[in-house]
């Protein structure tokens, strides 16, 4: 709990710092009257601070539940399971050892396969589970989290090698920039 609180405080400090920087750039650009430049500056400065929401997919030979036991994540909410990678949150995680969202089931894999994101070959199916092989396709690899973060994190390769997990981007924090001209700087 204390770690979560310190995270929130440090994010707030970073956000305030970025906001001050943006205000300075905004005032400089506004005085020239070029609002497209202002919007570009704001977006460029804020982009690295966006929260990224990712899904963990187990690959290789996997045993999956048939589905329906846990709710599926259809619209990620802010937060999730924190990762060592800055601003990356796992949305299909758990809290204090209790699973709250689907970690991948047969019905999820069928949907990912139909979307062209994975190859999904069922080896065996019984009344409670499915044994299958799961691999990302070229289209699916475009969503690997390392393609959407600014610096390399060795933990990604460790997860991939040790646990055969792939971390895939599912959503980015969105913010809108609106610039309203005024008479004052």
N, C-alpha and C. Protein backbone atom coordinates (compact mmCIF):
# COMPACT_ATOMS: atom_id res chain seq x y z
N UNK A 1 0.83 -1.18 0.00
CA UNK A 1 0.00 0.00 0.00
C UNK A 1 0.88 1.25 0.00
N UNK A 2 1.96 1.19 0.83
CA UNK A 2 2.87 2.33 0.90
C UNK A 2 3.56 2.55 -0.44
N UNK A 3 3.93 1.44 -1.10
CA UNK A 3 4.57 1.54 -2.41
C UNK A 3 3.63 2.18 -3.43
N UNK A 4 2.34 1.81 -3.38
CA UNK A 4 1.35 2.37 -4.30
C UNK A 4 1.19 3.87 -4.04
N UNK A 5 1.19 4.26 -2.76
CA UNK A 5 1.05 5.68 -2.40
C UNK A 5 2.25 6.47 -2.88
N UNK A 6 3.46 5.93 -2.69
CA UNK A 6 4.65 6.64 -3.16
C UNK A 6 4.67 6.75 -4.67
N UNK A 7 4.14 5.72 -5.36
CA UNK A 7 4.02 5.77 -6.82
C UNK A 7 3.11 6.90 -7.26
N UNK A 8 1.98 7.00 -6.62
CA UNK A 8 1.02 8.05 -6.96
C UNK A 8 1.62 9.42 -6.71
N UNK A 9 2.32 9.59 -5.58
CA UNK A 9 2.95 10.87 -5.26
C UNK A 9 4.03 11.21 -6.28
N UNK A 10 4.88 10.23 -6.62
CA UNK A 10 5.95 10.52 -7.59
C UNK A 10 5.37 10.82 -8.97
N UNK A 11 4.28 10.13 -9.36
CA UNK A 11 3.64 10.45 -10.64
C UNK A 11 3.06 11.85 -10.62
N UNK A 12 2.51 12.24 -9.48
CA UNK A 12 1.94 13.59 -9.37
C UNK A 12 3.03 14.65 -9.50
N UNK A 13 4.18 14.40 -8.89
CA UNK A 13 5.30 15.34 -8.97
C UNK A 13 5.77 15.46 -10.42
N UNK A 14 5.92 14.34 -11.11
CA UNK A 14 6.33 14.35 -12.51
C UNK A 14 5.30 15.09 -13.36
N UNK A 15 4.02 14.82 -13.11
CA UNK A 15 2.96 15.48 -13.87
C UNK A 15 2.99 16.99 -13.67
N UNK A 16 3.19 17.44 -12.43
CA UNK A 16 3.27 18.88 -12.17
C UNK A 16 4.48 19.49 -12.88
N UNK A 17 5.62 18.77 -12.84
CA UNK A 17 6.82 19.27 -13.53
C UNK A 17 6.61 19.40 -15.02
N UNK A 18 5.99 18.39 -15.60
CA UNK A 18 5.70 18.43 -17.03
C UNK A 18 4.72 19.55 -17.34
N UNK A 19 3.73 19.72 -16.48
CA UNK A 19 2.75 20.79 -16.68
C UNK A 19 3.42 22.16 -16.68
N UNK A 20 4.35 22.40 -15.75
CA UNK A 20 5.06 23.68 -15.69
C UNK A 20 5.87 23.88 -16.97
N UNK A 21 6.53 22.82 -17.42
CA UNK A 21 7.31 22.91 -18.65
C UNK A 21 6.41 23.22 -19.85
N UNK A 22 5.27 22.57 -19.89
CA UNK A 22 4.33 22.79 -20.98
C UNK A 22 3.79 24.21 -20.95
N UNK A 23 3.49 24.73 -19.77
CA UNK A 23 2.98 26.10 -19.64
C UNK A 23 4.00 27.09 -20.18
N UNK A 24 5.28 26.87 -19.85
CA UNK A 24 6.32 27.77 -20.34
C UNK A 24 6.38 27.72 -21.87
N UNK A 25 6.38 26.51 -22.42
CA UNK A 25 6.39 26.37 -23.89
C UNK A 25 5.13 26.95 -24.50
N UNK A 26 4.02 26.73 -23.84
CA UNK A 26 2.72 27.20 -24.31
C UNK A 26 2.72 28.73 -24.38
N UNK A 27 3.20 29.36 -23.33
CA UNK A 27 3.22 30.83 -23.31
C UNK A 27 4.12 31.38 -24.40
N UNK A 28 5.26 30.74 -24.61
CA UNK A 28 6.18 31.18 -25.66
C UNK A 28 5.53 31.06 -27.03
N UNK A 29 4.91 29.92 -27.30
CA UNK A 29 4.30 29.69 -28.61
C UNK A 29 3.04 30.53 -28.79
N UNK A 30 2.28 30.72 -27.70
CA UNK A 30 1.05 31.50 -27.81
C UNK A 30 1.34 32.95 -28.16
N UNK A 31 2.44 33.47 -27.64
CA UNK A 31 2.75 34.86 -27.92
C UNK A 31 3.02 35.07 -29.41
N UNK A 32 3.45 34.00 -30.09
CA UNK A 32 3.68 34.11 -31.52
C UNK A 32 2.40 33.86 -32.32
N UNK A 33 1.35 33.31 -31.67
CA UNK A 33 0.07 33.09 -32.33
C UNK A 33 -0.01 31.83 -33.18
N UNK A 34 1.00 30.97 -33.12
CA UNK A 34 1.00 29.75 -33.92
C UNK A 34 0.51 28.59 -33.06
N UNK A 35 -0.81 28.33 -33.10
CA UNK A 35 -1.41 27.33 -32.22
C UNK A 35 -1.06 25.91 -32.60
N UNK A 36 -0.78 25.65 -33.87
CA UNK A 36 -0.35 24.31 -34.28
C UNK A 36 0.98 23.96 -33.62
N UNK A 37 1.86 24.94 -33.51
CA UNK A 37 3.14 24.72 -32.83
C UNK A 37 2.92 24.43 -31.35
N UNK A 38 1.98 25.14 -30.75
CA UNK A 38 1.68 24.93 -29.33
C UNK A 38 1.20 23.49 -29.12
N UNK A 39 0.28 23.05 -29.97
CA UNK A 39 -0.26 21.71 -29.83
C UNK A 39 0.84 20.66 -30.02
N UNK A 40 1.69 20.85 -31.00
CA UNK A 40 2.79 19.92 -31.25
C UNK A 40 3.73 19.85 -30.05
N UNK A 41 4.08 21.00 -29.47
CA UNK A 41 4.97 21.04 -28.31
C UNK A 41 4.35 20.30 -27.13
N UNK A 42 3.08 20.58 -26.88
CA UNK A 42 2.40 19.93 -25.76
C UNK A 42 2.37 18.42 -25.95
N UNK A 43 1.97 17.98 -27.12
CA UNK A 43 1.90 16.53 -27.37
C UNK A 43 3.28 15.87 -27.26
N UNK A 44 4.30 16.49 -27.80
CA UNK A 44 5.65 15.92 -27.73
C UNK A 44 6.15 15.82 -26.29
N UNK A 45 5.85 16.83 -25.48
CA UNK A 45 6.32 16.80 -24.09
C UNK A 45 5.53 15.81 -23.23
N UNK A 46 4.26 15.62 -23.52
CA UNK A 46 3.44 14.74 -22.69
C UNK A 46 3.50 13.28 -23.11
N UNK A 47 3.83 13.01 -24.36
CA UNK A 47 3.82 11.63 -24.89
C UNK A 47 4.57 10.63 -24.02
N UNK A 48 5.80 10.94 -23.56
CA UNK A 48 6.53 9.94 -22.76
C UNK A 48 5.88 9.63 -21.41
N UNK A 49 4.95 10.47 -20.97
CA UNK A 49 4.33 10.27 -19.66
C UNK A 49 2.99 9.57 -19.73
N UNK A 50 2.55 9.20 -20.93
CA UNK A 50 1.28 8.49 -21.06
C UNK A 50 1.37 7.12 -20.41
N UNK A 51 0.29 6.72 -19.78
CA UNK A 51 0.21 5.37 -19.22
C UNK A 51 -0.07 4.40 -20.36
N UNK A 52 0.60 3.26 -20.37
CA UNK A 52 0.39 2.22 -21.36
C UNK A 52 -0.21 1.01 -20.64
N UNK A 53 -1.24 0.44 -21.23
CA UNK A 53 -1.91 -0.71 -20.63
C UNK A 53 -1.62 -1.93 -21.48
N UNK A 54 -1.14 -2.98 -20.85
CA UNK A 54 -0.68 -4.16 -21.58
C UNK A 54 -1.37 -5.42 -21.07
N UNK A 55 -1.37 -6.40 -21.93
CA UNK A 55 -1.94 -7.71 -21.65
C UNK A 55 -0.78 -8.70 -21.64
N UNK A 56 -0.79 -9.61 -20.69
CA UNK A 56 0.23 -10.66 -20.66
C UNK A 56 -0.36 -11.90 -21.30
N UNK A 57 0.32 -12.39 -22.33
CA UNK A 57 -0.10 -13.60 -23.04
C UNK A 57 0.94 -14.69 -22.82
N UNK A 58 0.50 -15.85 -22.40
CA UNK A 58 1.40 -16.98 -22.29
C UNK A 58 1.52 -17.61 -23.67
N UNK A 59 2.74 -17.91 -24.09
CA UNK A 59 2.96 -18.48 -25.42
C UNK A 59 3.62 -19.85 -25.28
N UNK A 60 3.75 -20.51 -26.43
CA UNK A 60 4.31 -21.85 -26.43
C UNK A 60 3.20 -22.85 -26.19
N UNK A 61 3.54 -24.00 -25.57
CA UNK A 61 2.51 -24.99 -25.20
C UNK A 61 1.87 -24.52 -23.90
N UNK A 62 0.58 -24.31 -23.94
CA UNK A 62 -0.14 -23.77 -22.78
C UNK A 62 -1.35 -24.63 -22.45
N UNK A 63 -1.75 -24.59 -21.19
CA UNK A 63 -3.00 -25.18 -20.75
C UNK A 63 -3.88 -24.03 -20.30
N UNK A 64 -5.02 -23.89 -20.94
CA UNK A 64 -5.91 -22.75 -20.70
C UNK A 64 -7.27 -23.23 -20.22
N UNK A 65 -7.94 -22.43 -19.39
CA UNK A 65 -9.32 -22.77 -19.03
C UNK A 65 -10.24 -22.52 -20.23
N UNK A 66 -11.40 -23.14 -20.22
CA UNK A 66 -12.35 -22.94 -21.31
C UNK A 66 -12.89 -21.52 -21.33
N UNK A 67 -12.96 -20.85 -20.21
CA UNK A 67 -13.45 -19.47 -20.15
C UNK A 67 -14.68 -19.35 -19.28
N UNK A 68 -15.06 -18.12 -19.01
CA UNK A 68 -16.26 -17.86 -18.24
C UNK A 68 -16.04 -17.79 -16.74
N UNK A 69 -14.87 -18.14 -16.25
CA UNK A 69 -14.64 -18.11 -14.80
C UNK A 69 -14.38 -16.69 -14.30
N UNK A 70 -13.62 -15.91 -15.07
CA UNK A 70 -13.28 -14.54 -14.69
C UNK A 70 -13.76 -13.59 -15.78
N UNK A 71 -14.08 -12.34 -15.42
CA UNK A 71 -14.51 -11.40 -16.46
C UNK A 71 -13.35 -11.05 -17.40
N UNK A 72 -13.69 -10.77 -18.65
CA UNK A 72 -12.69 -10.36 -19.63
C UNK A 72 -12.50 -8.85 -19.57
N UNK A 73 -11.29 -8.42 -19.85
CA UNK A 73 -10.98 -7.00 -19.89
C UNK A 73 -11.35 -6.50 -21.28
N UNK A 74 -12.38 -5.67 -21.36
CA UNK A 74 -12.76 -5.12 -22.66
C UNK A 74 -12.36 -3.65 -22.78
N UNK A 75 -12.40 -2.92 -21.69
CA UNK A 75 -11.96 -1.52 -21.66
C UNK A 75 -11.08 -1.35 -20.43
N UNK A 76 -9.75 -1.30 -20.61
CA UNK A 76 -8.87 -1.19 -19.45
C UNK A 76 -9.13 0.08 -18.65
N UNK A 77 -9.15 -0.06 -17.35
CA UNK A 77 -9.30 1.08 -16.45
C UNK A 77 -7.91 1.56 -16.07
N UNK A 78 -7.79 2.81 -15.61
CA UNK A 78 -6.47 3.28 -15.15
C UNK A 78 -5.94 2.37 -14.05
N UNK A 79 -4.65 2.15 -14.09
CA UNK A 79 -4.02 1.30 -13.09
C UNK A 79 -3.91 -0.13 -13.59
N UNK A 80 -3.86 -1.05 -12.68
CA UNK A 80 -3.64 -2.45 -12.99
C UNK A 80 -2.48 -2.93 -12.16
N UNK A 81 -1.81 -3.96 -12.63
CA UNK A 81 -0.64 -4.47 -11.93
C UNK A 81 0.58 -3.70 -12.40
N UNK A 82 1.30 -3.14 -11.46
CA UNK A 82 2.47 -2.34 -11.79
C UNK A 82 3.60 -3.22 -12.31
N UNK A 83 4.34 -2.72 -13.27
CA UNK A 83 5.51 -3.43 -13.79
C UNK A 83 6.76 -2.60 -13.51
N UNK A 84 7.94 -3.21 -13.63
CA UNK A 84 9.17 -2.43 -13.47
C UNK A 84 9.41 -1.45 -14.64
N UNK A 85 8.59 -1.51 -15.67
CA UNK A 85 8.74 -0.65 -16.83
C UNK A 85 7.91 0.61 -16.58
N UNK A 86 8.51 1.78 -16.69
CA UNK A 86 7.83 3.04 -16.40
C UNK A 86 6.56 3.19 -17.21
N UNK A 87 5.48 3.55 -16.52
CA UNK A 87 4.18 3.86 -17.12
C UNK A 87 3.51 2.68 -17.82
N UNK A 88 3.93 1.45 -17.56
CA UNK A 88 3.30 0.27 -18.15
C UNK A 88 2.57 -0.49 -17.06
N UNK A 89 1.30 -0.74 -17.29
CA UNK A 89 0.45 -1.44 -16.33
C UNK A 89 -0.15 -2.67 -17.00
N UNK A 90 -0.18 -3.78 -16.29
CA UNK A 90 -0.76 -5.03 -16.79
C UNK A 90 -2.24 -5.03 -16.42
N UNK A 91 -3.11 -5.16 -17.42
CA UNK A 91 -4.55 -5.08 -17.15
C UNK A 91 -5.17 -6.43 -16.82
N UNK A 92 -4.56 -7.52 -17.23
CA UNK A 92 -5.12 -8.82 -16.91
C UNK A 92 -4.35 -9.44 -15.76
N UNK A 93 -4.25 -8.68 -14.69
CA UNK A 93 -3.45 -9.11 -13.55
C UNK A 93 -4.28 -9.59 -12.39
N UNK A 94 -3.64 -9.58 -11.25
CA UNK A 94 -4.30 -9.98 -10.03
C UNK A 94 -3.90 -9.02 -8.93
N UNK A 95 -4.53 -9.13 -7.80
CA UNK A 95 -4.22 -8.26 -6.68
C UNK A 95 -4.11 -9.11 -5.44
N UNK A 96 -2.96 -9.06 -4.77
CA UNK A 96 -2.72 -9.80 -3.54
C UNK A 96 -2.99 -11.30 -3.76
N UNK A 97 -2.58 -11.81 -4.93
CA UNK A 97 -2.71 -13.22 -5.21
C UNK A 97 -4.08 -13.67 -5.70
N UNK A 98 -5.04 -12.75 -5.79
CA UNK A 98 -6.37 -13.11 -6.23
C UNK A 98 -6.58 -12.62 -7.66
N UNK A 99 -7.00 -13.50 -8.56
CA UNK A 99 -7.21 -13.15 -9.96
C UNK A 99 -8.55 -12.44 -10.10
N UNK A 100 -8.54 -11.28 -10.76
CA UNK A 100 -9.77 -10.52 -10.98
C UNK A 100 -10.21 -10.52 -12.44
N UNK A 101 -9.27 -10.67 -13.35
CA UNK A 101 -9.58 -10.65 -14.77
C UNK A 101 -9.04 -11.90 -15.43
N UNK A 102 -9.58 -12.20 -16.60
CA UNK A 102 -9.17 -13.38 -17.36
C UNK A 102 -7.69 -13.27 -17.73
N UNK A 103 -6.94 -14.33 -17.48
CA UNK A 103 -5.52 -14.37 -17.84
C UNK A 103 -5.30 -15.00 -19.19
N UNK A 104 -6.36 -15.25 -19.90
CA UNK A 104 -6.26 -15.90 -21.20
C UNK A 104 -6.98 -17.24 -21.13
N UNK A 105 -8.00 -17.39 -21.91
CA UNK A 105 -8.77 -18.64 -21.94
C UNK A 105 -9.00 -19.01 -23.40
N UNK A 106 -9.65 -20.13 -23.60
CA UNK A 106 -9.91 -20.60 -24.95
C UNK A 106 -10.67 -19.56 -25.78
N UNK A 107 -11.70 -18.95 -25.20
CA UNK A 107 -12.48 -17.97 -25.98
C UNK A 107 -11.66 -16.72 -26.32
N UNK A 108 -10.78 -16.28 -25.41
CA UNK A 108 -9.88 -15.15 -25.72
C UNK A 108 -8.97 -15.50 -26.89
N UNK A 109 -8.36 -16.68 -26.80
CA UNK A 109 -7.40 -17.08 -27.84
C UNK A 109 -8.07 -17.21 -29.20
N UNK A 110 -9.30 -17.68 -29.22
CA UNK A 110 -10.03 -17.78 -30.49
C UNK A 110 -10.24 -16.37 -31.07
N UNK A 111 -10.57 -15.42 -30.22
CA UNK A 111 -10.76 -14.04 -30.70
C UNK A 111 -9.45 -13.43 -31.19
N UNK A 112 -8.36 -13.65 -30.45
CA UNK A 112 -7.06 -13.13 -30.88
C UNK A 112 -6.65 -13.78 -32.21
N UNK A 113 -6.92 -15.08 -32.34
CA UNK A 113 -6.61 -15.78 -33.59
C UNK A 113 -7.43 -15.22 -34.75
N UNK A 114 -8.73 -15.02 -34.52
CA UNK A 114 -9.60 -14.49 -35.57
C UNK A 114 -9.21 -13.07 -35.97
N UNK A 115 -8.60 -12.32 -35.05
CA UNK A 115 -8.13 -10.97 -35.35
C UNK A 115 -6.77 -11.00 -36.05
N UNK A 116 -6.16 -12.18 -36.15
CA UNK A 116 -4.87 -12.30 -36.83
C UNK A 116 -3.69 -11.98 -35.94
N UNK A 117 -3.88 -11.94 -34.62
CA UNK A 117 -2.81 -11.57 -33.71
C UNK A 117 -1.96 -12.76 -33.25
N UNK A 118 -2.56 -13.95 -33.22
CA UNK A 118 -1.84 -15.14 -32.77
C UNK A 118 -2.15 -16.33 -33.67
N UNK A 119 -1.26 -17.34 -33.60
CA UNK A 119 -1.62 -18.65 -34.13
C UNK A 119 -2.03 -19.46 -32.90
N UNK A 120 -3.12 -20.17 -33.02
CA UNK A 120 -3.68 -20.92 -31.89
C UNK A 120 -4.08 -22.29 -32.39
N UNK A 121 -3.29 -23.29 -32.01
CA UNK A 121 -3.54 -24.66 -32.45
C UNK A 121 -3.88 -25.52 -31.24
N UNK A 122 -5.11 -26.02 -31.20
CA UNK A 122 -5.57 -26.85 -30.09
C UNK A 122 -5.00 -28.25 -30.25
N UNK A 123 -4.36 -28.74 -29.20
CA UNK A 123 -3.81 -30.09 -29.17
C UNK A 123 -4.83 -31.06 -28.57
N UNK A 124 -5.42 -30.63 -27.45
CA UNK A 124 -6.38 -31.47 -26.74
C UNK A 124 -7.38 -30.56 -26.03
N UNK A 125 -8.63 -30.99 -26.03
CA UNK A 125 -9.69 -30.25 -25.35
C UNK A 125 -10.46 -31.23 -24.47
N UNK A 126 -10.68 -30.85 -23.19
CA UNK A 126 -11.54 -31.68 -22.33
C UNK A 126 -12.62 -30.80 -21.72
N UNK A 127 -13.31 -31.30 -20.71
CA UNK A 127 -14.47 -30.57 -20.17
C UNK A 127 -14.09 -29.31 -19.40
N UNK A 128 -12.82 -29.17 -18.97
CA UNK A 128 -12.44 -28.01 -18.16
C UNK A 128 -11.32 -27.17 -18.77
N UNK A 129 -10.54 -27.74 -19.69
CA UNK A 129 -9.38 -27.00 -20.18
C UNK A 129 -9.05 -27.35 -21.62
N UNK A 130 -8.09 -26.59 -22.14
CA UNK A 130 -7.61 -26.77 -23.50
C UNK A 130 -6.08 -26.79 -23.44
N UNK A 131 -5.47 -27.75 -24.10
CA UNK A 131 -4.01 -27.78 -24.27
C UNK A 131 -3.77 -27.31 -25.70
N UNK A 132 -2.93 -26.30 -25.88
CA UNK A 132 -2.73 -25.72 -27.21
C UNK A 132 -1.35 -25.10 -27.33
N UNK A 133 -1.02 -24.68 -28.55
CA UNK A 133 0.18 -23.87 -28.76
C UNK A 133 -0.28 -22.48 -29.17
N UNK A 134 0.40 -21.48 -28.63
CA UNK A 134 0.07 -20.08 -28.89
C UNK A 134 1.35 -19.35 -29.29
N UNK A 135 1.30 -18.64 -30.42
CA UNK A 135 2.43 -17.83 -30.86
C UNK A 135 1.90 -16.54 -31.46
N UNK A 136 2.62 -15.46 -31.28
CA UNK A 136 2.24 -14.19 -31.90
C UNK A 136 2.52 -14.25 -33.40
N UNK A 137 1.63 -13.69 -34.19
CA UNK A 137 1.85 -13.55 -35.63
C UNK A 137 2.66 -12.28 -35.86
N UNK A 138 3.02 -12.01 -37.10
CA UNK A 138 3.71 -10.76 -37.41
C UNK A 138 2.85 -9.55 -37.03
N UNK A 139 1.56 -9.65 -37.29
CA UNK A 139 0.64 -8.57 -36.90
C UNK A 139 0.62 -8.42 -35.38
N UNK A 140 0.59 -9.52 -34.65
CA UNK A 140 0.59 -9.47 -33.19
C UNK A 140 1.87 -8.89 -32.63
N UNK A 141 3.01 -9.18 -33.29
CA UNK A 141 4.30 -8.67 -32.82
C UNK A 141 4.40 -7.16 -32.92
N UNK A 142 3.58 -6.54 -33.73
CA UNK A 142 3.58 -5.07 -33.82
C UNK A 142 3.11 -4.43 -32.52
N UNK A 143 2.41 -5.19 -31.69
CA UNK A 143 1.89 -4.67 -30.43
C UNK A 143 2.75 -5.02 -29.23
N UNK A 144 3.89 -5.68 -29.45
CA UNK A 144 4.78 -5.97 -28.33
C UNK A 144 5.14 -4.68 -27.62
N UNK A 145 5.15 -4.72 -26.31
CA UNK A 145 5.32 -3.49 -25.52
C UNK A 145 6.65 -2.80 -25.81
N UNK A 146 7.70 -3.57 -26.14
CA UNK A 146 8.99 -2.93 -26.40
C UNK A 146 8.97 -2.03 -27.63
N UNK A 147 7.99 -2.18 -28.50
CA UNK A 147 7.86 -1.31 -29.67
C UNK A 147 7.19 0.02 -29.31
N UNK A 148 6.69 0.14 -28.09
CA UNK A 148 5.93 1.32 -27.69
C UNK A 148 6.51 2.03 -26.49
N UNK A 149 7.70 1.63 -26.05
CA UNK A 149 8.36 2.31 -24.94
C UNK A 149 9.69 2.85 -25.44
N UNK A 150 10.20 3.85 -24.71
CA UNK A 150 11.38 4.56 -25.21
C UNK A 150 12.70 3.85 -24.95
N UNK A 151 12.78 3.03 -23.91
CA UNK A 151 14.06 2.39 -23.63
C UNK A 151 13.88 0.89 -23.41
N UNK A 152 14.92 0.14 -23.67
CA UNK A 152 14.88 -1.32 -23.53
C UNK A 152 14.87 -1.71 -22.06
N UNK A 153 14.08 -2.72 -21.72
CA UNK A 153 14.03 -3.25 -20.35
C UNK A 153 14.33 -4.74 -20.38
N UNK A 154 15.43 -5.16 -19.75
CA UNK A 154 15.83 -6.57 -19.78
C UNK A 154 14.77 -7.50 -19.18
N UNK A 155 13.89 -6.99 -18.32
CA UNK A 155 12.86 -7.82 -17.71
C UNK A 155 11.95 -8.45 -18.77
N UNK A 156 11.76 -7.76 -19.89
CA UNK A 156 10.91 -8.29 -20.96
C UNK A 156 11.50 -9.59 -21.50
N UNK A 157 12.79 -9.58 -21.79
CA UNK A 157 13.44 -10.80 -22.30
C UNK A 157 13.44 -11.90 -21.25
N UNK A 158 13.56 -11.52 -19.97
CA UNK A 158 13.53 -12.52 -18.90
C UNK A 158 12.16 -13.18 -18.83
N UNK A 159 11.09 -12.39 -18.92
CA UNK A 159 9.74 -12.95 -18.91
C UNK A 159 9.55 -13.87 -20.12
N UNK A 160 9.99 -13.42 -21.26
CA UNK A 160 9.83 -14.18 -22.51
C UNK A 160 10.58 -15.52 -22.41
N UNK A 161 11.81 -15.47 -21.93
CA UNK A 161 12.65 -16.66 -21.88
C UNK A 161 12.24 -17.61 -20.75
N UNK A 162 12.04 -17.06 -19.56
CA UNK A 162 11.81 -17.89 -18.38
C UNK A 162 10.38 -18.42 -18.29
N UNK A 163 9.40 -17.56 -18.61
CA UNK A 163 8.01 -17.92 -18.39
C UNK A 163 7.19 -18.00 -19.68
N UNK A 164 7.84 -17.74 -20.81
CA UNK A 164 7.18 -17.73 -22.12
C UNK A 164 5.96 -16.81 -22.10
N UNK A 165 6.20 -15.59 -21.62
CA UNK A 165 5.15 -14.57 -21.58
C UNK A 165 5.48 -13.48 -22.58
N UNK A 166 4.47 -12.99 -23.26
CA UNK A 166 4.60 -11.83 -24.14
C UNK A 166 3.75 -10.71 -23.55
N UNK A 167 4.29 -9.51 -23.53
CA UNK A 167 3.57 -8.34 -23.02
C UNK A 167 3.15 -7.52 -24.23
N UNK A 168 1.82 -7.40 -24.41
CA UNK A 168 1.26 -6.80 -25.62
C UNK A 168 0.46 -5.56 -25.26
N UNK A 169 0.71 -4.46 -25.96
CA UNK A 169 -0.01 -3.21 -25.74
C UNK A 169 -1.47 -3.36 -26.15
N UNK A 170 -2.39 -2.95 -25.26
CA UNK A 170 -3.81 -2.98 -25.61
C UNK A 170 -4.44 -1.60 -25.59
N UNK A 171 -3.84 -0.66 -24.87
CA UNK A 171 -4.42 0.69 -24.81
C UNK A 171 -3.36 1.69 -24.34
N UNK A 172 -3.55 2.94 -24.76
CA UNK A 172 -2.71 4.05 -24.32
C UNK A 172 -3.60 5.09 -23.66
N UNK A 173 -3.06 5.73 -22.65
CA UNK A 173 -3.80 6.83 -22.04
C UNK A 173 -4.04 7.89 -23.11
N UNK A 174 -5.21 8.45 -23.10
CA UNK A 174 -5.54 9.46 -24.10
C UNK A 174 -5.76 10.80 -23.42
N UNK A 175 -5.24 11.83 -24.03
CA UNK A 175 -5.56 13.17 -23.57
C UNK A 175 -5.73 14.07 -24.78
N UNK A 176 -6.63 15.01 -24.65
CA UNK A 176 -6.90 15.94 -25.73
C UNK A 176 -6.27 17.29 -25.41
N UNK A 177 -5.79 17.94 -26.43
CA UNK A 177 -5.21 19.28 -26.28
C UNK A 177 -6.15 20.25 -26.97
N UNK A 178 -6.63 21.22 -26.21
CA UNK A 178 -7.48 22.27 -26.79
C UNK A 178 -6.80 23.61 -26.54
N UNK A 179 -6.67 24.37 -27.58
CA UNK A 179 -6.03 25.69 -27.48
C UNK A 179 -7.06 26.74 -27.80
N UNK A 180 -7.25 27.64 -26.86
CA UNK A 180 -8.22 28.72 -27.05
C UNK A 180 -7.47 30.04 -27.09
N UNK A 181 -7.59 30.78 -28.21
CA UNK A 181 -6.91 32.07 -28.30
C UNK A 181 -7.51 33.06 -27.31
N UNK A 182 -6.66 33.94 -26.82
CA UNK A 182 -7.17 34.99 -25.92
C UNK A 182 -6.39 36.28 -26.19
N UNK A 183 -6.85 37.35 -25.60
CA UNK A 183 -6.20 38.63 -25.78
C UNK A 183 -4.92 38.76 -24.97
N UNK A 184 -4.82 37.96 -23.93
CA UNK A 184 -3.64 38.08 -23.05
C UNK A 184 -2.68 36.94 -23.29
N UNK A 185 -1.45 37.17 -22.96
CA UNK A 185 -0.43 36.12 -23.10
C UNK A 185 -0.69 35.03 -22.11
